[in-house]
C-alpha atoms as a PDB file:
ATOM      1  CA  MET A   1      -0.078  -0.089  -0.264  1.00  0.00           C
ATOM      2  CA  SER A   2       1.257   3.632  -0.969  1.00  0.00           C
ATOM      3  CA  GLY A   3       2.195   6.498   1.754  1.00  0.00           C
ATOM      4  CA  ALA A   4      -0.906   8.499   0.017  1.00  0.00           C
ATOM      5  CA  ALA A   5      -3.513   5.475   0.332  1.00  0.00           C
ATOM      6  CA  ARG A   6      -2.250   4.684   3.823  1.00  0.00           C
ATOM      7  CA  PHE A   7      -2.538   8.069   4.852  1.00  0.00           C
ATOM      8  CA  LEU A   8      -6.139   8.189   2.992  1.00  0.00           C
ATOM      9  CA  ARG A   9      -7.051   5.052   4.960  1.00  0.00           C
ATOM     10  CA  ARG A  10      -5.921   6.012   8.456  1.00  0.00           C
ATOM     11  CA  ASN A  11      -7.512   9.394   8.255  1.00  0.00           C
ATOM     12  CA  GLY A  12     -10.725   8.660   6.554  1.00  0.00           C
ATOM     13  CA  LEU A  13     -13.171   9.685   9.240  1.00  0.00           C
ATOM     14  CA  THR A  14     -11.546  13.238   9.501  1.00  0.00           C
ATOM     15  CA  LEU A  15     -11.312  13.607   5.711  1.00  0.00           C
ATOM     16  CA  ALA A  16     -14.502  12.341   4.727  1.00  0.00           C
ATOM     17  CA  PHE A  17     -16.493  14.605   7.223  1.00  0.00           C
ATOM     18  CA  GLY A  18     -14.013  17.651   6.522  1.00  0.00           C
ATOM     19  CA  THR A  19     -14.697  17.525   2.657  1.00  0.00           C
ATOM     20  CA  ALA A  20     -18.385  17.377   3.538  1.00  0.00           C
ATOM     21  CA  PHE A  21     -17.980  20.063   5.678  1.00  0.00           C
ATOM     22  CA  LEU A  22     -16.714  22.067   3.172  1.00  0.00           C
ATOM     23  CA  LEU A  23     -18.866  21.116   0.376  1.00  0.00           C
ATOM     24  CA  THR A  24     -21.988  21.817   2.261  1.00  0.00           C
ATOM     25  CA  LEU A  25     -20.213  25.484   3.629  1.00  0.00           C
ATOM     26  CA  VAL A  26     -19.691  26.366  -0.321  1.00  0.00           C
ATOM     27  CA  GLY A  27     -23.376  25.185  -1.048  1.00  0.00           C
ATOM     28  CA  GLN A  28     -24.776  27.183   1.831  1.00  0.00           C
ATOM     29  CA  ALA A  29     -22.836  30.584   0.434  1.00  0.00           C
ATOM     30  CA  PHE A  30     -24.465  29.937  -2.995  1.00  0.00           C
ATOM     31  CA  ALA A  31     -27.571  29.379  -1.780  1.00  0.00           C
ATOM     32  CA  GLY A  32     -27.892  32.024   0.629  1.00  0.00           C
ATOM     33  CA  CYS A  33     -26.530  34.370  -1.944  1.00  0.00           C
ATOM     34  CA  ALA A  34     -29.339  33.313  -4.030  1.00  0.00           C
ATOM     35  CA  GLU A  35     -31.919  34.274  -1.389  1.00  0.00           C
ATOM     36  CA  LEU A  36     -30.362  37.746  -0.389  1.00  0.00           C
ATOM     37  CA  ASN A  37     -30.278  38.257  -4.363  1.00  0.00           C
ATOM     38  CA  THR A  38     -33.982  37.316  -4.566  1.00  0.00           C
ATOM     39  CA  VAL A  39     -34.587  39.890  -1.742  1.00  0.00           C
ATOM     40  CA  LEU A  40     -32.560  42.837  -3.284  1.00  0.00           C
ATOM     41  CA  THR A  41     -34.236  42.141  -6.608  1.00  0.00           C
ATOM     42  CA  ALA A  42     -37.712  42.746  -5.155  1.00  0.00           C
ATOM     43  CA  ALA A  43     -36.417  45.705  -3.796  1.00  0.00           C
ATOM     44  CA  ASP A  44     -34.829  47.287  -6.949  1.00  0.00           C
ATOM     45  CA  LEU A  45     -31.510  46.590  -5.690  1.00  0.00           C
ATOM     46  CA  HIS A  46     -28.343  45.285  -7.400  1.00  0.00           C
ATOM     47  CA  PRO A  47     -27.875  41.763  -6.770  1.00  0.00           C
ATOM     48  CA  MET A  48     -24.751  40.869  -5.186  1.00  0.00           C
ATOM     49  CA  GLY A  49     -21.956  38.429  -6.128  1.00  0.00           C
ATOM     50  CA  CYS A  50     -21.047  35.065  -4.063  1.00  0.00           C
ATOM     51  CA  GLY A  51     -17.691  36.331  -3.384  1.00  0.00           C
ATOM     52  CA  ALA A  52     -18.987  39.477  -2.016  1.00  0.00           C
ATOM     53  CA  TYR A  53     -21.591  37.832   0.121  1.00  0.00           C
ATOM     54  CA  VAL A  54     -19.562  35.376   1.915  1.00  0.00           C
ATOM     55  CA  LEU A  55     -17.635  38.561   3.864  1.00  0.00           C
ATOM     56  CA  THR A  56     -21.012  39.872   4.764  1.00  0.00           C
ATOM     57  CA  SER A  57     -22.610  39.651   8.131  1.00  0.00           C
ATOM     58  CA  ASP A  58     -26.126  37.778   6.957  1.00  0.00           C
ATOM     59  CA  PHE A  59     -23.382  34.878   5.817  1.00  0.00           C
ATOM     60  CA  MET A  60     -21.291  34.992   8.871  1.00  0.00           C
ATOM     61  CA  VAL A  61     -24.225  35.151  11.293  1.00  0.00           C
ATOM     62  CA  ASP A  62     -25.795  32.158   9.927  1.00  0.00           C
ATOM     63  CA  VAL A  63     -22.564  30.456   9.945  1.00  0.00           C
ATOM     64  CA  THR A  64     -21.412  30.970  13.539  1.00  0.00           C
ATOM     65  CA  GLU A  65     -25.028  30.553  14.918  1.00  0.00           C
ATOM     66  CA  ASN A  66     -24.814  26.626  13.833  1.00  0.00           C
ATOM     67  CA  TRP A  67     -20.753  26.347  14.833  1.00  0.00           C
ATOM     68  CA  GLN A  68     -21.341  27.738  18.453  1.00  0.00           C
ATOM     69  CA  SER A  69     -24.354  25.441  19.012  1.00  0.00           C
ATOM     70  CA  GLU A  70     -22.253  22.704  17.890  1.00  0.00           C
ATOM     71  CA  PHE A  71     -19.149  23.185  19.798  1.00  0.00           C
ATOM     72  CA  LEU A  72     -21.470  23.881  23.015  1.00  0.00           C
ATOM     73  CA  GLN A  73     -23.148  20.280  22.476  1.00  0.00           C
ATOM     74  CA  PHE A  74     -19.593  18.655  22.515  1.00  0.00           C
ATOM     75  CA  PHE A  75     -18.445  20.916  25.514  1.00  0.00           C
ATOM     76  CA  LEU A  76     -21.379  19.755  27.449  1.00  0.00           C
ATOM     77  CA  PHE A  77     -21.196  15.847  26.398  1.00  0.00           C
ATOM     78  CA  VAL A  78     -17.472  16.010  27.211  1.00  0.00           C
ATOM     79  CA  PHE A  79     -17.521  17.031  30.633  1.00  0.00           C
ATOM     80  CA  GLY A  80     -21.097  15.814  31.683  1.00  0.00           C
ATOM     81  CA  THR A  81     -20.138  12.341  30.726  1.00  0.00           C
ATOM     82  CA  VAL A  82     -17.285  12.794  33.266  1.00  0.00           C
ATOM     83  CA  TRP A  83     -19.740  12.770  36.394  1.00  0.00           C
ATOM     84  CA  LEU A  84     -22.890  11.537  34.408  1.00  0.00           C
ATOM     85  CA  VAL A  85     -23.658   7.647  33.244  1.00  0.00           C
ATOM     86  CA  GLN A  86     -26.480   5.861  31.260  1.00  0.00           C
ATOM     87  CA  ARG A  87     -26.998   2.019  32.089  1.00  0.00           C
ATOM     88  CA  GLY A  88     -26.811   0.562  28.860  1.00  0.00           C
ATOM     89  CA  SER A  89     -25.556   2.909  26.609  1.00  0.00           C
ATOM     90  CA  PRO A  90     -22.165   2.854  24.782  1.00  0.00           C
ATOM     91  CA  GLU A  91     -21.910   6.641  25.179  1.00  0.00           C
ATOM     92  CA  SER A  92     -21.685   6.359  28.801  1.00  0.00           C
ATOM     93  CA  LYS A  93     -18.665   4.933  30.514  1.00  0.00           C
ATOM     94  CA  PRO A  94     -19.218   2.135  33.156  1.00  0.00           C
ATOM     95  CA  LEU A  95     -21.546   2.950  35.979  1.00  0.00           C
ATOM     96  CA  ASP A  96     -18.389   2.194  38.350  1.00  0.00           C
ATOM     97  CA  ARG A  97     -15.810   4.517  37.005  1.00  0.00           C
ATOM     98  CA  ILE A  98     -18.077   7.951  37.556  1.00  0.00           C
ATOM     99  CA  GLY A  99     -15.810  10.740  38.352  1.00  0.00           C
ATOM    100  CA  ARG A 100     -12.530  11.894  37.344  1.00  0.00           C
ATOM    101  CA  GLU A 101     -10.745   8.402  37.720  1.00  0.00           C
ATOM    102  CA  THR A 102      -7.517   7.289  39.252  1.00  0.00           C
ATOM    103  CA  ASP A 103      -4.040   7.914  37.594  1.00  0.00           C
ATOM    104  CA  GLU A 104      -3.745   4.188  37.050  1.00  0.00           C
ATOM    105  CA  GLN A 105      -7.013   4.183  35.288  1.00  0.00           C
ATOM    106  CA  GLN A 106      -5.967   7.334  33.638  1.00  0.00           C
ATOM    107  CA  LYS A 107      -2.311   6.002  32.848  1.00  0.00           C
ATOM    108  CA  THR A 108      -1.132   9.483  34.403  1.00  0.00           C
ATOM    109  CA  GLY A 109       1.933  10.539  36.251  1.00  0.00           C
ATOM    110  CA  ALA A 110       3.588   7.442  37.846  1.00  0.00           C
ATOM    111  CA  TYR A 111       1.338   5.139  35.806  1.00  0.00           C
ATOM    112  CA  ALA A 112       1.912   6.711  32.196  1.00  0.00           C
ATOM    113  CA  THR A 113       3.691   4.335  29.647  1.00  0.00           C
ATOM    114  CA  PRO A 114       6.530   5.159  27.061  1.00  0.00           C
ATOM    115  CA  GLU A 115       3.688   5.519  24.661  1.00  0.00           C
ATOM    116  CA  SER A 116       1.719   7.999  26.677  1.00  0.00           C
ATOM    117  CA  PRO A 117       2.161  11.616  25.460  1.00  0.00           C
ATOM    118  CA  ARG A 118       4.658  13.450  27.785  1.00  0.00           C
ATOM    119  CA  SER A 119       1.993  15.919  29.601  1.00  0.00           C
ATOM    120  CA  ALA A 120       0.618  12.630  30.887  1.00  0.00           C
ATOM    121  CA  SER A 121       3.738  12.229  33.027  1.00  0.00           C
ATOM    122  CA  ALA A 122       4.715  15.955  33.547  1.00  0.00           C
ATOM    123  CA  GLY A 123       2.338  16.789  36.589  1.00  0.00           C
ATOM    124  CA  GLY A 124       1.492  20.039  37.958  1.00  0.00           C
ATOM    125  CA  LEU A 125      -0.025  22.597  36.000  1.00  0.00           C
ATOM    126  CA  ARG A 126       0.526  21.107  32.538  1.00  0.00           C
ATOM    127  CA  GLN A 127      -0.596  17.623  33.529  1.00  0.00           C
ATOM    128  CA  THR A 128      -3.974  19.540  34.754  1.00  0.00           C
ATOM    129  CA  LEU A 129      -4.388  21.426  31.463  1.00  0.00           C
ATOM    130  CA  TYR A 130      -3.776  18.746  29.135  1.00  0.00           C
ATOM    131  CA  SER A 131      -6.008  16.263  31.217  1.00  0.00           C
ATOM    132  CA  ASN A 132      -8.847  18.744  30.590  1.00  0.00           C
ATOM    133  CA  SER A 133      -7.545  19.896  27.188  1.00  0.00           C
ATOM    134  CA  LEU A 134     -10.321  18.566  25.199  1.00  0.00           C
ATOM    135  CA  GLY A 135     -13.012  20.274  27.164  1.00  0.00           C
ATOM    136  CA  ILE A 136     -10.931  23.524  27.337  1.00  0.00           C
ATOM    137  CA  VAL A 137     -10.928  23.592  23.542  1.00  0.00           C
ATOM    138  CA  MET A 138     -14.012  22.914  22.746  1.00  0.00           C
ATOM    139  CA  CYS A 139     -15.094  25.501  25.533  1.00  0.00           C
ATOM    140  CA  LEU A 140     -13.137  28.093  23.770  1.00  0.00           C
ATOM    141  CA  ILE A 141     -14.474  27.457  20.282  1.00  0.00           C
ATOM    142  CA  PHE A 142     -17.960  27.487  21.891  1.00  0.00           C
ATOM    143  CA  LEU A 143     -17.277  30.859  23.100  1.00  0.00           C
ATOM    144  CA  MET A 144     -15.370  32.557  20.236  1.00  0.00           C
ATOM    145  CA  SER A 145     -18.059  31.404  17.748  1.00  0.00           C
ATOM    146  CA  TRP A 146     -20.961  32.799  20.402  1.00  0.00           C
ATOM    147  CA  LEU A 147     -18.816  35.974  20.364  1.00  0.00           C
ATOM    148  CA  ALA A 148     -19.092  36.309  16.712  1.00  0.00           C
ATOM    149  CA  GLN A 149     -22.198  34.934  16.026  1.00  0.00           C
ATOM    150  CA  SER A 150     -23.734  38.184  18.584  1.00  0.00           C
ATOM    151  CA  VAL A 151     -21.394  40.860  16.870  1.00  0.00           C
ATOM    152  CA  THR A 152     -22.562  39.694  13.027  1.00  0.00           C
ATOM    153  CA  GLY A 153     -25.694  39.058  14.319  1.00  0.00           C
ATOM    154  CA  VAL A 154     -26.074  42.926  15.650  1.00  0.00           C
ATOM    155  CA  VAL A 155     -24.762  44.103  12.256  1.00  0.00           C
ATOM    156  CA  THR A 156     -27.476  42.233  10.543  1.00  0.00           C
ATOM    157  CA  PHE A 157     -30.261  43.326  13.127  1.00  0.00           C
ATOM    158  CA  ASN A 158     -29.015  46.596  12.817  1.00  0.00           C
ATOM    159  CA  GLU A 159     -29.153  46.600   8.775  1.00  0.00           C
ATOM    160  CA  ASP A 160     -32.998  45.269   9.016  1.00  0.00           C
ATOM    161  CA  GLN A 161     -33.676  48.415  11.863  1.00  0.00           C
ATOM    162  CA  LEU A 162     -32.374  51.006   9.472  1.00  0.00           C
ATOM    163  CA  ARG A 163     -34.327  49.474   6.214  1.00  0.00           C
ATOM    164  CA  GLN A 164     -37.477  50.184   8.560  1.00  0.00           C
ATOM    165  CA  LEU A 165     -36.153  53.432   9.653  1.00  0.00           C
ATOM    166  CA  GLN A 166     -35.946  52.373  12.968  1.00  0.00           C
ATOM    167  CA  ASP A 167     -32.552  53.014  15.223  1.00  0.00           C
ATOM    168  CA  PRO A 168     -29.963  50.641  15.436  1.00  0.00           C
ATOM    169  CA  VAL A 169     -29.218  48.984  18.895  1.00  0.00           C
ATOM    170  CA  GLY A 170     -25.701  48.348  20.711  1.00  0.00           C
ATOM    171  CA  TRP A 171     -24.168  44.937  21.151  1.00  0.00           C
ATOM    172  CA  SER A 172     -24.926  45.064  25.058  1.00  0.00           C
ATOM    173  CA  THR A 173     -28.590  45.423  24.294  1.00  0.00           C
ATOM    174  CA  TYR A 174     -29.058  42.944  21.053  1.00  0.00           C
ATOM    175  CA  VAL A 175     -27.598  40.099  23.213  1.00  0.00           C
ATOM    176  CA  ARG A 176     -30.290  40.510  25.798  1.00  0.00           C
ATOM    177  CA  SER A 177     -32.996  40.979  23.310  1.00  0.00           C
ATOM    178  CA  ALA A 178     -35.697  38.247  22.135  1.00  0.00           C
ATOM    179  CA  GLU A 179     -34.349  38.304  18.699  1.00  0.00           C
ATOM    180  CA  PHE A 180     -30.735  36.831  19.663  1.00  0.00           C
ATOM    181  CA  TRP A 181     -32.252  34.280  22.152  1.00  0.00           C
ATOM    182  CA  ASN A 182     -34.697  33.250  19.831  1.00  0.00           C
ATOM    183  CA  ARG A 183     -32.127  32.303  17.188  1.00  0.00           C
ATOM    184  CA  THR A 184     -29.733  30.792  19.781  1.00  0.00           C
ATOM    185  CA  LEU A 185     -31.843  28.385  21.890  1.00  0.00           C
ATOM    186  CA  GLN A 186     -33.365  27.100  18.470  1.00  0.00           C
ATOM    187  CA  ASN A 187     -30.230  25.625  17.977  1.00  0.00           C
ATOM    188  CA  TRP A 188     -29.269  24.703  21.268  1.00  0.00           C
ATOM    189  CA  GLN A 189     -32.735  22.574  21.823  1.00  0.00           C
ATOM    190  CA  SER A 190     -31.985  20.837  18.640  1.00  0.00           C
ATOM    191  CA  GLU A 191     -28.296  20.039  19.504  1.00  0.00           C
ATOM    192  CA  LEU A 192     -29.010  18.932  23.141  1.00  0.00           C
ATOM    193  CA  LEU A 193     -32.053  16.824  21.739  1.00  0.00           C
ATOM    194  CA  ALA A 194     -29.736  14.880  19.383  1.00  0.00           C
ATOM    195  CA  VAL A 195     -27.300  14.137  21.764  1.00  0.00           C
ATOM    196  CA  ALA A 196     -30.057  12.747  24.737  1.00  0.00           C
ATOM    197  CA  SER A 197     -31.575  10.640  21.627  1.00  0.00           C
ATOM    198  CA  MET A 198     -28.421   8.933  20.463  1.00  0.00           C
ATOM    199  CA  VAL A 199     -27.701   8.284  24.341  1.00  0.00           C
ATOM    200  CA  ILE A 200     -30.864   6.574  25.159  1.00  0.00           C
ATOM    201  CA  LEU A 201     -31.524   4.985  21.577  1.00  0.00           C
ATOM    202  CA  ALA A 202     -28.116   3.235  21.437  1.00  0.00           C
ATOM    203  CA  VAL A 203     -29.266   1.324  24.850  1.00  0.00           C
ATOM    204  CA  TYR A 204     -31.540  -0.500  22.584  1.00  0.00           C
ATOM    205  CA  LEU A 205     -30.505  -0.209  19.100  1.00  0.00           C
ATOM    206  CA  ARG A 206     -27.382  -1.015  17.064  1.00  0.00           C
ATOM    207  CA  GLN A 207     -25.504  -0.666  14.144  1.00  0.00           C
ATOM    208  CA  ARG A 208     -23.233  -3.455  13.334  1.00  0.00           C
ATOM    209  CA  GLY A 209     -19.190  -2.379  12.883  1.00  0.00           C
ATOM    210  CA  SER A 210     -20.094   1.273  14.453  1.00  0.00           C
ATOM    211  CA  PRO A 211     -17.964   2.006  17.402  1.00  0.00           C
ATOM    212  CA  GLU A 212     -21.204   4.296  18.491  1.00  0.00           C
ATOM    213  CA  SER A 213     -23.157   0.999  19.006  1.00  0.00           C
ATOM    214  CA  LYS A 214     -22.439  -1.864  21.254  1.00  0.00           C
ATOM    215  CA  PRO A 215     -21.905  -5.160  19.539  1.00  0.00           C
ATOM    216  CA  VAL A 216     -25.357  -6.414  17.976  1.00  0.00           C
ATOM    217  CA  GLY A 217     -25.264  -9.340  20.775  1.00  0.00           C
ATOM    218  CA  ALA A 218     -24.446  -7.178  23.862  1.00  0.00           C
ATOM    219  CA  ALA A 219     -27.243  -6.963  26.308  1.00  0.00           C
ATOM    220  CA  HIS A 220     -29.195  -3.804  26.403  1.00  0.00           C
ATOM    221  CA  SER A 221     -27.643  -3.436  30.236  1.00  0.00           C
ATOM    222  CA  ALA A 222     -24.224  -3.517  28.929  1.00  0.00           C
ATOM    223  CA  THR A 223     -23.007  -0.106  29.637  1.00  0.00           C
ATOM    224  CA  GLY A 224     -19.736   1.557  28.180  1.00  0.00           C
ATOM    225  CA  VAL A 225     -19.187  -1.089  25.782  1.00  0.00           C
ATOM    226  CA  GLU A 226     -18.465  -0.499  21.865  1.00  0.00           C
ATOM    227  CA  GLY A 227     -18.895  -2.171  18.761  1.00  0.00           C
END
């Protein structure tokens, strides 16, 4: 097997979903541009090119609105599954491992192996940060996406205000508005529903060969077992 083929095989999941992400982002840009141009044409205004459209607040607020809800979902799930379990779900760890677990279980400190990342045996702040790095990064991306959504959202909101000959509002006013929280909570509830559904449905349903499912013959009560 050639080096390129080996790379593709070993990174297929990331490459497939990364490519799908880029394709859907491009598709969203074209579809959003077409929708905006329909509105502009109806108002006897000049249509906008797609290159210009992707730099507008209209495009960015829709993109960042979805990103922040996705990363909120992962942040809550990563930290929540430290302490919360679901009997019978492969998305949960075993019922007897609730909490941060011991150094031996986590292979940190004196229990680190030669293959362990260096930060696992470093101790102190370095090990603490690395031990929580996944959740921290998810949280930071969520916060940055949320901030970007609020900034681009207020620009879009004020554009609509000016079209209607109404006064624009400041950022702090916008993030307390029903407009902002209506958009935000719509996304949050859908992401949280998806996680809750996956956790409980995986107790009773199976997908052969998927690590997100238990083995087909595993008992419904088997917890933390992946196929």
